[in-house]
PDB file of N, CA and C in Angstrom:
ATOM      1  N   MET A   1    -117.740 -46.292  40.264  1.00  0.00           N
ATOM      2  CA  MET A   1    -117.916 -47.714  40.031  1.00  0.00           C
ATOM      3  C   MET A   1    -118.645 -47.953  38.722  1.00  0.00           C
ATOM      4  N   LYS A   2    -119.462 -46.984  38.299  1.00  0.00           N
ATOM      5  CA  LYS A   2    -120.227 -47.147  37.076  1.00  0.00           C
ATOM      6  C   LYS A   2    -119.316 -47.302  35.870  1.00  0.00           C
ATOM      7  N   ALA A   3    -118.230 -46.522  35.819  1.00  0.00           N
ATOM      8  CA  ALA A   3    -117.320 -46.608  34.682  1.00  0.00           C
ATOM      9  C   ALA A   3    -116.655 -47.972  34.613  1.00  0.00           C
ATOM     10  N   SER A   4    -116.233 -48.506  35.750  1.00  0.00           N
ATOM     11  CA  SER A   4    -115.590 -49.824  35.762  1.00  0.00           C
ATOM     12  C   SER A   4    -116.547 -50.897  35.277  1.00  0.00           C
ATOM     13  N   ALA A   5    -117.793 -50.806  35.708  1.00  0.00           N
ATOM     14  CA  ALA A   5    -118.788 -51.791  35.281  1.00  0.00           C
ATOM     15  C   ALA A   5    -119.023 -51.681  33.787  1.00  0.00           C
ATOM     16  N   ALA A   6    -119.040 -50.456  33.268  1.00  0.00           N
ATOM     17  CA  ALA A   6    -119.253 -50.272  31.836  1.00  0.00           C
ATOM     18  C   ALA A   6    -118.116 -50.884  31.032  1.00  0.00           C
ATOM     19  N   VAL A   7    -116.885 -50.710  31.500  1.00  0.00           N
ATOM     20  CA  VAL A   7    -115.741 -51.286  30.799  1.00  0.00           C
ATOM     21  C   VAL A   7    -115.836 -52.805  30.797  1.00  0.00           C
ATOM     22  N   LEU A   8    -116.179 -53.386  31.943  1.00  0.00           N
ATOM     23  CA  LEU A   8    -116.305 -54.842  32.023  1.00  0.00           C
ATOM     24  C   LEU A   8    -117.424 -55.348  31.121  1.00  0.00           C
ATOM     25  N   LEU A   9    -118.537 -54.601  31.069  1.00  0.00           N
ATOM     26  CA  LEU A   9    -119.645 -55.029  30.227  1.00  0.00           C
ATOM     27  C   LEU A   9    -119.285 -54.938  28.751  1.00  0.00           C
ATOM     28  N   VAL A  10    -118.566 -53.895  28.361  1.00  0.00           N
ATOM     29  CA  VAL A  10    -118.135 -53.784  26.972  1.00  0.00           C
ATOM     30  C   VAL A  10    -117.225 -54.954  26.627  1.00  0.00           C
ATOM     31  N   TRP A  11    -116.272 -55.253  27.512  1.00  0.00           N
ATOM     32  CA  TRP A  11    -115.370 -56.371  27.275  1.00  0.00           C
ATOM     33  C   TRP A  11    -116.165 -57.673  27.162  1.00  0.00           C
ATOM     34  N   ALA A  12    -117.093 -57.898  28.102  1.00  0.00           N
ATOM     35  CA  ALA A  12    -117.886 -59.126  28.089  1.00  0.00           C
ATOM     36  C   ALA A  12    -118.733 -59.203  26.827  1.00  0.00           C
ATOM     37  N   SER A  13    -119.267 -58.065  26.391  1.00  0.00           N
ATOM     38  CA  SER A  13    -120.058 -58.050  25.169  1.00  0.00           C
ATOM     39  C   SER A  13    -119.208 -58.423  23.967  1.00  0.00           C
ATOM     40  N   CYS A  14    -117.984 -57.894  23.931  1.00  0.00           N
ATOM     41  CA  CYS A  14    -117.090 -58.205  22.812  1.00  0.00           C
ATOM     42  C   CYS A  14    -116.732 -59.677  22.797  1.00  0.00           C
ATOM     43  N   VAL A  15    -116.437 -60.227  23.964  1.00  0.00           N
ATOM     44  CA  VAL A  15    -116.099 -61.645  24.044  1.00  0.00           C
ATOM     45  C   VAL A  15    -117.293 -62.486  23.617  1.00  0.00           C
ATOM     46  N   SER A  16    -118.488 -62.145  24.101  1.00  0.00           N
ATOM     47  CA  SER A  16    -119.688 -62.897  23.743  1.00  0.00           C
ATOM     48  C   SER A  16    -119.975 -62.786  22.265  1.00  0.00           C
ATOM     49  N   ALA A  17    -119.827 -61.580  21.727  1.00  0.00           N
ATOM     50  CA  ALA A  17    -120.101 -61.372  20.307  1.00  0.00           C
ATOM     51  C   ALA A  17    -119.118 -62.160  19.451  1.00  0.00           C
ATOM     52  N   SER A  18    -117.862 -62.183  19.860  1.00  0.00           N
ATOM     53  CA  SER A  18    -116.861 -62.942  19.106  1.00  0.00           C
ATOM     54  C   SER A  18    -117.180 -64.425  19.130  1.00  0.00           C
ATOM     55  N   ALA A  19    -117.629 -64.902  20.278  1.00  0.00           N
ATOM     56  CA  ALA A  19    -117.944 -66.323  20.399  1.00  0.00           C
ATOM     57  C   ALA A  19    -119.163 -66.687  19.551  1.00  0.00           C
ATOM     58  N   MET A  20    -120.092 -65.733  19.407  1.00  0.00           N
ATOM     59  CA  MET A  20    -121.312 -66.019  18.656  1.00  0.00           C
ATOM     60  C   MET A  20    -121.128 -65.852  17.157  1.00  0.00           C
ATOM     61  N   ALA A  21    -120.124 -65.072  16.739  1.00  0.00           N
ATOM     62  CA  ALA A  21    -119.907 -64.870  15.306  1.00  0.00           C
ATOM     63  C   ALA A  21    -119.465 -66.184  14.678  1.00  0.00           C
ATOM     64  N   GLY A  22    -119.911 -66.426  13.504  1.00  0.00           N
ATOM     65  CA  GLY A  22    -119.512 -67.670  12.855  1.00  0.00           C
ATOM     66  C   GLY A  22    -119.995 -67.718  11.431  1.00  0.00           C
ATOM     67  N   PRO A  23    -119.787 -68.860  10.805  1.00  0.00           N
ATOM     68  CA  PRO A  23    -120.134 -68.984   9.396  1.00  0.00           C
ATOM     69  C   PRO A  23    -121.626 -68.863   9.134  1.00  0.00           C
ATOM     70  N   ASP A  24    -122.473 -69.107  10.153  1.00  0.00           N
ATOM     71  CA  ASP A  24    -123.912 -69.022   9.942  1.00  0.00           C
ATOM     72  C   ASP A  24    -124.401 -67.579   9.951  1.00  0.00           C
ATOM     73  N   LYS A  25    -123.530 -66.644  10.298  1.00  0.00           N
ATOM     74  CA  LYS A  25    -123.899 -65.233  10.284  1.00  0.00           C
ATOM     75  C   LYS A  25    -123.212 -64.584   9.090  1.00  0.00           C
ATOM     76  N   PRO A  26    -123.919 -63.728   8.370  1.00  0.00           N
ATOM     77  CA  PRO A  26    -123.323 -63.085   7.200  1.00  0.00           C
ATOM     78  C   PRO A  26    -122.033 -62.369   7.557  1.00  0.00           C
ATOM     79  N   GLY A  27    -120.967 -62.765   6.912  1.00  0.00           N
ATOM     80  CA  GLY A  27    -119.678 -62.119   7.131  1.00  0.00           C
ATOM     81  C   GLY A  27    -119.141 -62.310   8.528  1.00  0.00           C
ATOM     82  N   GLY A  28    -119.714 -63.216   9.309  1.00  0.00           N
ATOM     83  CA  GLY A  28    -119.266 -63.426  10.682  1.00  0.00           C
ATOM     84  C   GLY A  28    -119.579 -62.233  11.569  1.00  0.00           C
ATOM     85  N   ALA A  29    -120.446 -61.343  11.126  1.00  0.00           N
ATOM     86  CA  ALA A  29    -120.767 -60.138  11.897  1.00  0.00           C
ATOM     87  C   ALA A  29    -121.563 -60.513  13.137  1.00  0.00           C
ATOM     88  N   ALA A  30    -121.323 -59.773  14.174  1.00  0.00           N
ATOM     89  CA  ALA A  30    -122.034 -60.007  15.421  1.00  0.00           C
ATOM     90  C   ALA A  30    -122.706 -58.714  15.863  1.00  0.00           C
ATOM     91  N   VAL A  31    -123.790 -58.841  16.547  1.00  0.00           N
ATOM     92  CA  VAL A  31    -124.497 -57.680  17.073  1.00  0.00           C
ATOM     93  C   VAL A  31    -124.020 -57.455  18.499  1.00  0.00           C
ATOM     94  N   ILE A  32    -123.580 -56.231  18.762  1.00  0.00           N
ATOM     95  CA  ILE A  32    -123.125 -55.886  20.109  1.00  0.00           C
ATOM     96  C   ILE A  32    -124.153 -54.944  20.726  1.00  0.00           C
ATOM     97  N   ARG A  33    -124.607 -55.312  21.890  1.00  0.00           N
ATOM     98  CA  ARG A  33    -125.581 -54.492  22.607  1.00  0.00           C
ATOM     99  C   ARG A  33    -124.911 -53.928  23.855  1.00  0.00           C
ATOM    100  N   THR A  34    -125.295 -52.752  24.246  1.00  0.00           N
ATOM    101  CA  THR A  34    -124.764 -52.171  25.474  1.00  0.00           C
ATOM    102  C   THR A  34    -125.843 -52.180  26.544  1.00  0.00           C
ATOM    103  N   VAL A  35    -125.392 -52.257  27.767  1.00  0.00           N
ATOM    104  CA  VAL A  35    -126.284 -52.268  28.908  1.00  0.00           C
ATOM    105  C   VAL A  35    -125.756 -51.262  29.915  1.00  0.00           C
ATOM    106  N   ASP A  36    -126.631 -50.455  30.478  1.00  0.00           N
ATOM    107  CA  ASP A  36    -126.229 -49.484  31.484  1.00  0.00           C
ATOM    108  C   ASP A  36    -126.547 -50.058  32.861  1.00  0.00           C
ATOM    109  N   VAL A  37    -125.513 -50.222  33.672  1.00  0.00           N
ATOM    110  CA  VAL A  37    -125.673 -50.798  34.998  1.00  0.00           C
ATOM    111  C   VAL A  37    -125.048 -49.864  36.015  1.00  0.00           C
ATOM    112  N   THR A  38    -125.746 -49.627  37.103  1.00  0.00           N
ATOM    113  CA  THR A  38    -125.190 -48.829  38.180  1.00  0.00           C
ATOM    114  C   THR A  38    -125.008 -49.739  39.386  1.00  0.00           C
ATOM    115  N   LEU A  39    -123.772 -49.892  39.816  1.00  0.00           N
ATOM    116  CA  LEU A  39    -123.470 -50.725  40.974  1.00  0.00           C
ATOM    117  C   LEU A  39    -123.481 -49.861  42.225  1.00  0.00           C
ATOM    118  N   PRO A  40    -123.747 -50.447  43.370  1.00  0.00           N
ATOM    119  CA  PRO A  40    -123.723 -49.655  44.603  1.00  0.00           C
ATOM    120  C   PRO A  40    -122.318 -49.135  44.870  1.00  0.00           C
ATOM    121  N   ASN A  41    -122.251 -47.944  45.432  1.00  0.00           N
ATOM    122  CA  ASN A  41    -120.951 -47.380  45.782  1.00  0.00           C
ATOM    123  C   ASN A  41    -120.340 -48.168  46.920  1.00  0.00           C
ATOM    124  N   GLY A  42    -119.066 -48.430  46.818  1.00  0.00           N
ATOM    125  CA  GLY A  42    -118.350 -49.070  47.908  1.00  0.00           C
ATOM    126  C   GLY A  42    -117.983 -48.012  48.939  1.00  0.00           C
ATOM    127  N   SER A  43    -118.114 -48.335  50.176  1.00  0.00           N
ATOM    128  CA  SER A  43    -117.816 -47.347  51.209  1.00  0.00           C
ATOM    129  C   SER A  43    -116.395 -47.497  51.739  1.00  0.00           C
ATOM    130  N   LEU A  44    -115.722 -48.569  51.371  1.00  0.00           N
ATOM    131  CA  LEU A  44    -114.391 -48.803  51.905  1.00  0.00           C
ATOM    132  C   LEU A  44    -113.313 -48.453  50.886  1.00  0.00           C
ATOM    133  N   THR A  45    -112.299 -47.803  51.374  1.00  0.00           N
ATOM    134  CA  THR A  45    -111.098 -47.586  50.585  1.00  0.00           C
ATOM    135  C   THR A  45    -109.944 -48.124  51.411  1.00  0.00           C
ATOM    136  N   PHE A  46    -108.793 -48.194  50.803  1.00  0.00           N
ATOM    137  CA  PHE A  46    -107.634 -48.671  51.541  1.00  0.00           C
ATOM    138  C   PHE A  46    -107.242 -47.657  52.605  1.00  0.00           C
ATOM    139  N   PRO A  47    -106.682 -48.132  53.703  1.00  0.00           N
ATOM    140  CA  PRO A  47    -106.249 -47.213  54.762  1.00  0.00           C
ATOM    141  C   PRO A  47    -105.191 -46.240  54.237  1.00  0.00           C
ATOM    142  N   PRO A  48    -105.151 -45.031  54.800  1.00  0.00           N
ATOM    143  CA  PRO A  48    -104.158 -44.056  54.346  1.00  0.00           C
ATOM    144  C   PRO A  48    -102.736 -44.587  54.524  1.00  0.00           C
ATOM    145  N   GLY A  49    -101.867 -44.152  53.655  1.00  0.00           N
ATOM    146  CA  GLY A  49    -100.467 -44.535  53.728  1.00  0.00           C
ATOM    147  C   GLY A  49     -99.815 -44.359  52.375  1.00  0.00           C
ATOM    148  N   VAL A  50     -98.505 -44.451  52.358  1.00  0.00           N
ATOM    149  CA  VAL A  50     -97.771 -44.337  51.103  1.00  0.00           C
ATOM    150  C   VAL A  50     -98.162 -45.512  50.214  1.00  0.00           C
ATOM    151  N   GLY A  51     -98.779 -45.222  49.098  1.00  0.00           N
ATOM    152  CA  GLY A  51     -99.234 -46.263  48.180  1.00  0.00           C
ATOM    153  C   GLY A  51    -100.739 -46.461  48.178  1.00  0.00           C
ATOM    154  N   SER A  52    -101.457 -45.850  49.121  1.00  0.00           N
ATOM    155  CA  SER A  52    -102.907 -46.052  49.174  1.00  0.00           C
ATOM    156  C   SER A  52    -103.606 -45.481  47.942  1.00  0.00           C
ATOM    157  N   ASN A  53    -103.116 -44.365  47.405  1.00  0.00           N
ATOM    158  CA  ASN A  53    -103.748 -43.798  46.205  1.00  0.00           C
ATOM    159  C   ASN A  53    -103.642 -44.763  45.036  1.00  0.00           C
ATOM    160  N   LEU A  54    -102.487 -45.377  44.879  1.00  0.00           N
ATOM    161  CA  LEU A  54    -102.295 -46.351  43.798  1.00  0.00           C
ATOM    162  C   LEU A  54    -103.191 -47.569  44.012  1.00  0.00           C
ATOM    163  N   ALA A  55    -103.250 -48.065  45.222  1.00  0.00           N
ATOM    164  CA  ALA A  55    -104.100 -49.219  45.520  1.00  0.00           C
ATOM    165  C   ALA A  55    -105.575 -48.882  45.289  1.00  0.00           C
ATOM    166  N   ASN A  56    -105.996 -47.688  45.740  1.00  0.00           N
ATOM    167  CA  ASN A  56    -107.385 -47.283  45.526  1.00  0.00           C
ATOM    168  C   ASN A  56    -107.697 -47.099  44.044  1.00  0.00           C
ATOM    169  N   ALA A  57    -106.734 -46.668  43.269  1.00  0.00           N
ATOM    170  CA  ALA A  57    -106.964 -46.455  41.840  1.00  0.00           C
ATOM    171  C   ALA A  57    -106.934 -47.759  41.052  1.00  0.00           C
ATOM    172  N   GLN A  58    -106.122 -48.723  41.451  1.00  0.00           N
ATOM    173  CA  GLN A  58    -105.918 -49.921  40.639  1.00  0.00           C
ATOM    174  C   GLN A  58    -106.595 -51.177  41.187  1.00  0.00           C
ATOM    175  N   CYS A  59    -106.522 -51.386  42.476  1.00  0.00           N
ATOM    176  CA  CYS A  59    -107.003 -52.662  43.035  1.00  0.00           C
ATOM    177  C   CYS A  59    -108.525 -52.744  43.097  1.00  0.00           C
ATOM    178  N   VAL A  60    -109.172 -51.619  43.412  1.00  0.00           N
ATOM    179  CA  VAL A  60    -110.629 -51.664  43.554  1.00  0.00           C
ATOM    180  C   VAL A  60    -111.350 -51.698  42.216  1.00  0.00           C
ATOM    181  N   ILE A  61    -110.596 -51.723  41.133  1.00  0.00           N
ATOM    182  CA  ILE A  61    -111.214 -51.920  39.822  1.00  0.00           C
ATOM    183  C   ILE A  61    -111.893 -53.292  39.797  1.00  0.00           C
ATOM    184  N   CYS A  62    -111.257 -54.270  40.425  1.00  0.00           N
ATOM    185  CA  CYS A  62    -111.771 -55.642  40.375  1.00  0.00           C
ATOM    186  C   CYS A  62    -112.366 -56.151  41.683  1.00  0.00           C
ATOM    187  N   HIS A  63    -111.874 -55.657  42.809  1.00  0.00           N
ATOM    188  CA  HIS A  63    -112.385 -56.157  44.081  1.00  0.00           C
ATOM    189  C   HIS A  63    -112.309 -55.076  45.141  1.00  0.00           C
ATOM    190  N   SER A  64    -112.997 -55.303  46.234  1.00  0.00           N
ATOM    191  CA  SER A  64    -113.060 -54.301  47.297  1.00  0.00           C
ATOM    192  C   SER A  64    -111.759 -54.241  48.097  1.00  0.00           C
ATOM    193  N   ALA A  65    -111.564 -53.089  48.713  1.00  0.00           N
ATOM    194  CA  ALA A  65    -110.417 -52.950  49.607  1.00  0.00           C
ATOM    195  C   ALA A  65    -110.552 -53.938  50.766  1.00  0.00           C
ATOM    196  N   GLY A  66    -111.763 -54.137  51.232  1.00  0.00           N
ATOM    197  CA  GLY A  66    -112.001 -55.062  52.333  1.00  0.00           C
ATOM    198  C   GLY A  66    -111.593 -56.485  52.005  1.00  0.00           C
ATOM    199  N   MET A  67    -111.814 -56.902  50.772  1.00  0.00           N
ATOM    200  CA  MET A  67    -111.411 -58.255  50.382  1.00  0.00           C
ATOM    201  C   MET A  67    -109.898 -58.412  50.514  1.00  0.00           C
ATOM    202  N   VAL A  68    -109.158 -57.371  50.162  1.00  0.00           N
ATOM    203  CA  VAL A  68    -107.701 -57.433  50.251  1.00  0.00           C
ATOM    204  C   VAL A  68    -107.250 -57.379  51.704  1.00  0.00           C
ATOM    205  N   THR A  69    -107.824 -56.475  52.474  1.00  0.00           N
ATOM    206  CA  THR A  69    -107.370 -56.297  53.864  1.00  0.00           C
ATOM    207  C   THR A  69    -107.783 -57.451  54.770  1.00  0.00           C
ATOM    208  N   ARG A  70    -108.713 -58.285  54.335  1.00  0.00           N
ATOM    209  CA  ARG A  70    -109.099 -59.462  55.125  1.00  0.00           C
ATOM    210  C   ARG A  70    -108.220 -60.676  54.839  1.00  0.00           C
ATOM    211  N   GLN A  71    -107.266 -60.550  53.938  1.00  0.00           N
ATOM    212  CA  GLN A  71    -106.358 -61.656  53.637  1.00  0.00           C
ATOM    213  C   GLN A  71    -105.404 -61.862  54.813  1.00  0.00           C
ATOM    214  N   PRO A  72    -104.853 -63.057  54.944  1.00  0.00           N
ATOM    215  CA  PRO A  72    -103.863 -63.274  56.008  1.00  0.00           C
ATOM    216  C   PRO A  72    -102.646 -62.372  55.773  1.00  0.00           C
ATOM    217  N   PRO A  73    -101.979 -61.960  56.831  1.00  0.00           N
ATOM    218  CA  PRO A  73    -100.763 -61.150  56.665  1.00  0.00           C
ATOM    219  C   PRO A  73     -99.732 -61.893  55.828  1.00  0.00           C
ATOM    220  N   LEU A  74     -99.143 -61.183  54.877  1.00  0.00           N
ATOM    221  CA  LEU A  74     -98.140 -61.771  53.997  1.00  0.00           C
ATOM    222  C   LEU A  74     -96.848 -60.971  54.078  1.00  0.00           C
ATOM    223  N   SER A  75     -95.744 -61.622  53.761  1.00  0.00           N
ATOM    224  CA  SER A  75     -94.459 -60.924  53.698  1.00  0.00           C
ATOM    225  C   SER A  75     -94.432 -60.064  52.431  1.00  0.00           C
ATOM    226  N   PHE A  76     -93.431 -59.202  52.320  1.00  0.00           N
ATOM    227  CA  PHE A  76     -93.289 -58.385  51.115  1.00  0.00           C
ATOM    228  C   PHE A  76     -93.200 -59.274  49.873  1.00  0.00           C
ATOM    229  N   GLN A  77     -92.388 -60.317  49.923  1.00  0.00           N
ATOM    230  CA  GLN A  77     -92.224 -61.201  48.758  1.00  0.00           C
ATOM    231  C   GLN A  77     -93.544 -61.895  48.396  1.00  0.00           C
ATOM    232  N   GLU A  78     -94.308 -62.291  49.414  1.00  0.00           N
ATOM    233  CA  GLU A  78     -95.604 -62.933  49.148  1.00  0.00           C
ATOM    234  C   GLU A  78     -96.589 -61.942  48.532  1.00  0.00           C
ATOM    235  N   TRP A  79     -96.632 -60.704  49.075  1.00  0.00           N
ATOM    236  CA  TRP A  79     -97.514 -59.687  48.497  1.00  0.00           C
ATOM    237  C   TRP A  79     -97.077 -59.365  47.072  1.00  0.00           C
ATOM    238  N   LYS A  80     -95.778 -59.278  46.866  1.00  0.00           N
ATOM    239  CA  LYS A  80     -95.261 -58.989  45.527  1.00  0.00           C
ATOM    240  C   LYS A  80     -95.698 -60.070  44.540  1.00  0.00           C
ATOM    241  N   ALA A  81     -95.631 -61.314  44.948  1.00  0.00           N
ATOM    242  CA  ALA A  81     -96.062 -62.415  44.084  1.00  0.00           C
ATOM    243  C   ALA A  81     -97.559 -62.322  43.786  1.00  0.00           C
ATOM    244  N   GLU A  82     -98.356 -61.965  44.791  1.00  0.00           N
ATOM    245  CA  GLU A  82     -99.799 -61.823  44.590  1.00  0.00           C
ATOM    246  C   GLU A  82    -100.112 -60.697  43.610  1.00  0.00           C
ATOM    247  N   VAL A  83     -99.465 -59.554  43.796  1.00  0.00           N
ATOM    248  CA  VAL A  83     -99.707 -58.402  42.923  1.00  0.00           C
ATOM    249  C   VAL A  83     -99.224 -58.711  41.506  1.00  0.00           C
ATOM    250  N   ALA A  84     -98.071 -59.352  41.385  1.00  0.00           N
ATOM    251  CA  ALA A  84     -97.557 -59.733  40.066  1.00  0.00           C
ATOM    252  C   ALA A  84     -98.526 -60.692  39.370  1.00  0.00           C
ATOM    253  N   LYS A  85     -99.126 -61.600  40.135  1.00  0.00           N
ATOM    254  CA  LYS A  85    -100.117 -62.530  39.574  1.00  0.00           C
ATOM    255  C   LYS A  85    -101.344 -61.755  39.071  1.00  0.00           C
ATOM    256  N   MET A  86    -101.787 -60.768  39.840  1.00  0.00           N
ATOM    257  CA  MET A  86    -102.938 -59.966  39.417  1.00  0.00           C
ATOM    258  C   MET A  86    -102.640 -59.272  38.082  1.00  0.00           C
ATOM    259  N   ARG A  87    -101.408 -58.841  37.927  1.00  0.00           N
ATOM    260  CA  ARG A  87    -100.994 -58.152  36.696  1.00  0.00           C
ATOM    261  C   ARG A  87    -100.864 -59.131  35.532  1.00  0.00           C
ATOM    262  N   ALA A  88    -100.139 -60.229  35.749  1.00  0.00           N
ATOM    263  CA  ALA A  88     -99.822 -61.153  34.663  1.00  0.00           C
ATOM    264  C   ALA A  88    -100.983 -62.070  34.289  1.00  0.00           C
ATOM    265  N   VAL A  89    -101.675 -62.589  35.290  1.00  0.00           N
ATOM    266  CA  VAL A  89    -102.717 -63.583  35.026  1.00  0.00           C
ATOM    267  C   VAL A  89    -104.085 -62.951  34.804  1.00  0.00           C
ATOM    268  N   TYR A  90    -104.405 -61.945  35.637  1.00  0.00           N
ATOM    269  CA  TYR A  90    -105.748 -61.369  35.587  1.00  0.00           C
ATOM    270  C   TYR A  90    -105.815 -60.034  34.855  1.00  0.00           C
ATOM    271  N   GLY A  91    -104.678 -59.534  34.371  1.00  0.00           N
ATOM    272  CA  GLY A  91    -104.685 -58.321  33.555  1.00  0.00           C
ATOM    273  C   GLY A  91    -104.835 -57.019  34.305  1.00  0.00           C
ATOM    274  N   ALA A  92    -104.452 -56.987  35.575  1.00  0.00           N
ATOM    275  CA  ALA A  92    -104.507 -55.716  36.321  1.00  0.00           C
ATOM    276  C   ALA A  92    -103.668 -54.678  35.579  1.00  0.00           C
ATOM    277  N   PRO A  93    -104.216 -53.480  35.385  1.00  0.00           N
ATOM    278  CA  PRO A  93    -103.515 -52.470  34.590  1.00  0.00           C
ATOM    279  C   PRO A  93    -102.408 -51.776  35.371  1.00  0.00           C
ATOM    280  N   LEU A  94    -101.412 -52.528  35.762  1.00  0.00           N
ATOM    281  CA  LEU A  94    -100.303 -51.995  36.546  1.00  0.00           C
ATOM    282  C   LEU A  94     -99.038 -51.979  35.709  1.00  0.00           C
ATOM    283  N   ALA A  95     -98.264 -50.911  35.856  1.00  0.00           N
ATOM    284  CA  ALA A  95     -96.934 -50.890  35.255  1.00  0.00           C
ATOM    285  C   ALA A  95     -96.033 -51.794  36.090  1.00  0.00           C
ATOM    286  N   VAL A  96     -94.969 -52.276  35.512  1.00  0.00           N
ATOM    287  CA  VAL A  96     -94.063 -53.179  36.218  1.00  0.00           C
ATOM    288  C   VAL A  96     -93.563 -52.549  37.516  1.00  0.00           C
ATOM    289  N   ASP A  97     -93.208 -51.251  37.480  1.00  0.00           N
ATOM    290  CA  ASP A  97     -92.679 -50.601  38.688  1.00  0.00           C
ATOM    291  C   ASP A  97     -93.748 -50.379  39.755  1.00  0.00           C
ATOM    292  N   GLU A  98     -95.013 -50.496  39.409  1.00  0.00           N
ATOM    293  CA  GLU A  98     -96.080 -50.327  40.400  1.00  0.00           C
ATOM    294  C   GLU A  98     -96.292 -51.584  41.244  1.00  0.00           C
ATOM    295  N   VAL A  99     -95.819 -52.722  40.787  1.00  0.00           N
ATOM    296  CA  VAL A  99     -95.970 -53.978  41.538  1.00  0.00           C
ATOM    297  C   VAL A  99     -95.279 -53.841  42.896  1.00  0.00           C
ATOM    298  N   ASP A 100     -94.022 -53.390  42.897  1.00  0.00           N
ATOM    299  CA  ASP A 100     -93.297 -53.221  44.161  1.00  0.00           C
ATOM    300  C   ASP A 100     -93.962 -52.173  45.053  1.00  0.00           C
ATOM    301  N   GLN A 101     -94.442 -51.081  44.448  1.00  0.00           N
ATOM    302  CA  GLN A 101     -95.081 -50.023  45.233  1.00  0.00           C
ATOM    303  C   GLN A 101     -96.303 -50.557  45.979  1.00  0.00           C
ATOM    304  N   ILE A 102     -97.146 -51.281  45.270  1.00  0.00           N
ATOM    305  CA  ILE A 102     -98.346 -51.820  45.916  1.00  0.00           C
ATOM    306  C   ILE A 102     -97.969 -52.902  46.924  1.00  0.00           C
ATOM    307  N   ALA A 103     -96.995 -53.734  46.605  1.00  0.00           N
ATOM    308  CA  ALA A 103     -96.569 -54.776  47.552  1.00  0.00           C
ATOM    309  C   ALA A 103     -96.024 -54.153  48.833  1.00  0.00           C
ATOM    310  N   ARG A 104     -95.251 -53.072  48.721  1.00  0.00           N
ATOM    311  CA  ARG A 104     -94.746 -52.389  49.923  1.00  0.00           C
ATOM    312  C   ARG A 104     -95.884 -51.817  50.754  1.00  0.00           C
ATOM    313  N   TYR A 105     -96.850 -51.224  50.067  1.00  0.00           N
ATOM    314  CA  TYR A 105     -98.012 -50.674  50.777  1.00  0.00           C
ATOM    315  C   TYR A 105     -98.809 -51.774  51.470  1.00  0.00           C
ATOM    316  N   LEU A 106     -99.097 -52.876  50.762  1.00  0.00           N
ATOM    317  CA  LEU A 106     -99.862 -53.969  51.376  1.00  0.00           C
ATOM    318  C   LEU A 106     -99.106 -54.606  52.541  1.00  0.00           C
ATOM    319  N   THR A 107     -97.792 -54.663  52.428  1.00  0.00           N
ATOM    320  CA  THR A 107     -96.985 -55.178  53.540  1.00  0.00           C
ATOM    321  C   THR A 107     -97.092 -54.249  54.746  1.00  0.00           C
ATOM    322  N   ALA A 108     -97.117 -52.939  54.484  1.00  0.00           N
ATOM    323  CA  ALA A 108     -97.212 -51.957  55.581  1.00  0.00           C
ATOM    324  C   ALA A 108     -98.559 -52.061  56.305  1.00  0.00           C
ATOM    325  N   ILE A 109     -99.642 -52.318  55.551  1.00  0.00           N
ATOM    326  CA  ILE A 109    -100.960 -52.353  56.213  1.00  0.00           C
ATOM    327  C   ILE A 109    -101.384 -53.743  56.634  1.00  0.00           C
ATOM    328  N   ASN A 110    -100.792 -54.781  56.026  1.00  0.00           N
ATOM    329  CA  ASN A 110    -101.201 -56.147  56.342  1.00  0.00           C
ATOM    330  C   ASN A 110    -100.073 -57.135  56.073  1.00  0.00           C
ATOM    331  N   GLY A 111     -98.932 -56.832  56.670  1.00  0.00           N
ATOM    332  CA  GLY A 111     -97.777 -57.689  56.446  1.00  0.00           C
ATOM    333  C   GLY A 111     -97.390 -58.476  57.674  1.00  0.00           C
ATOM    334  N   LYS A 112     -96.586 -59.486  57.439  1.00  0.00           N
ATOM    335  CA  LYS A 112     -96.058 -60.261  58.562  1.00  0.00           C
ATOM    336  C   LYS A 112     -95.054 -59.388  59.307  1.00  0.00           C
ATOM    337  N   PRO A 113     -95.085 -59.468  60.631  1.00  0.00           N
ATOM    338  CA  PRO A 113     -94.128 -58.664  61.415  1.00  0.00           C
ATOM    339  C   PRO A 113     -92.684 -59.097  61.212  1.00  0.00           C
TER     340      PRO A 113
END
């Protein structure tokens, strides 16, 4: 979890630094500071099954497995739309072909009958 937090902090620092850079600073230069943060380890992973490794590697970057598994049961098409939204809108680092894989897995563990 420490690595994920570090990546988010670097990104946030870059965004903040870009927002603060301006004509009042020489050359628009910004000072970037790093912060070391250790987050508590999550004890939950996705339930075993075909696709759980992908879900554990990609989905828990941003949220817990429990947050996903507590969602109402969705159909494959609904899960696919949710996963596609995570990729397109929120920048989840998923390849296009991984959207269907994760949607099939989420349907298997929390899908409509």
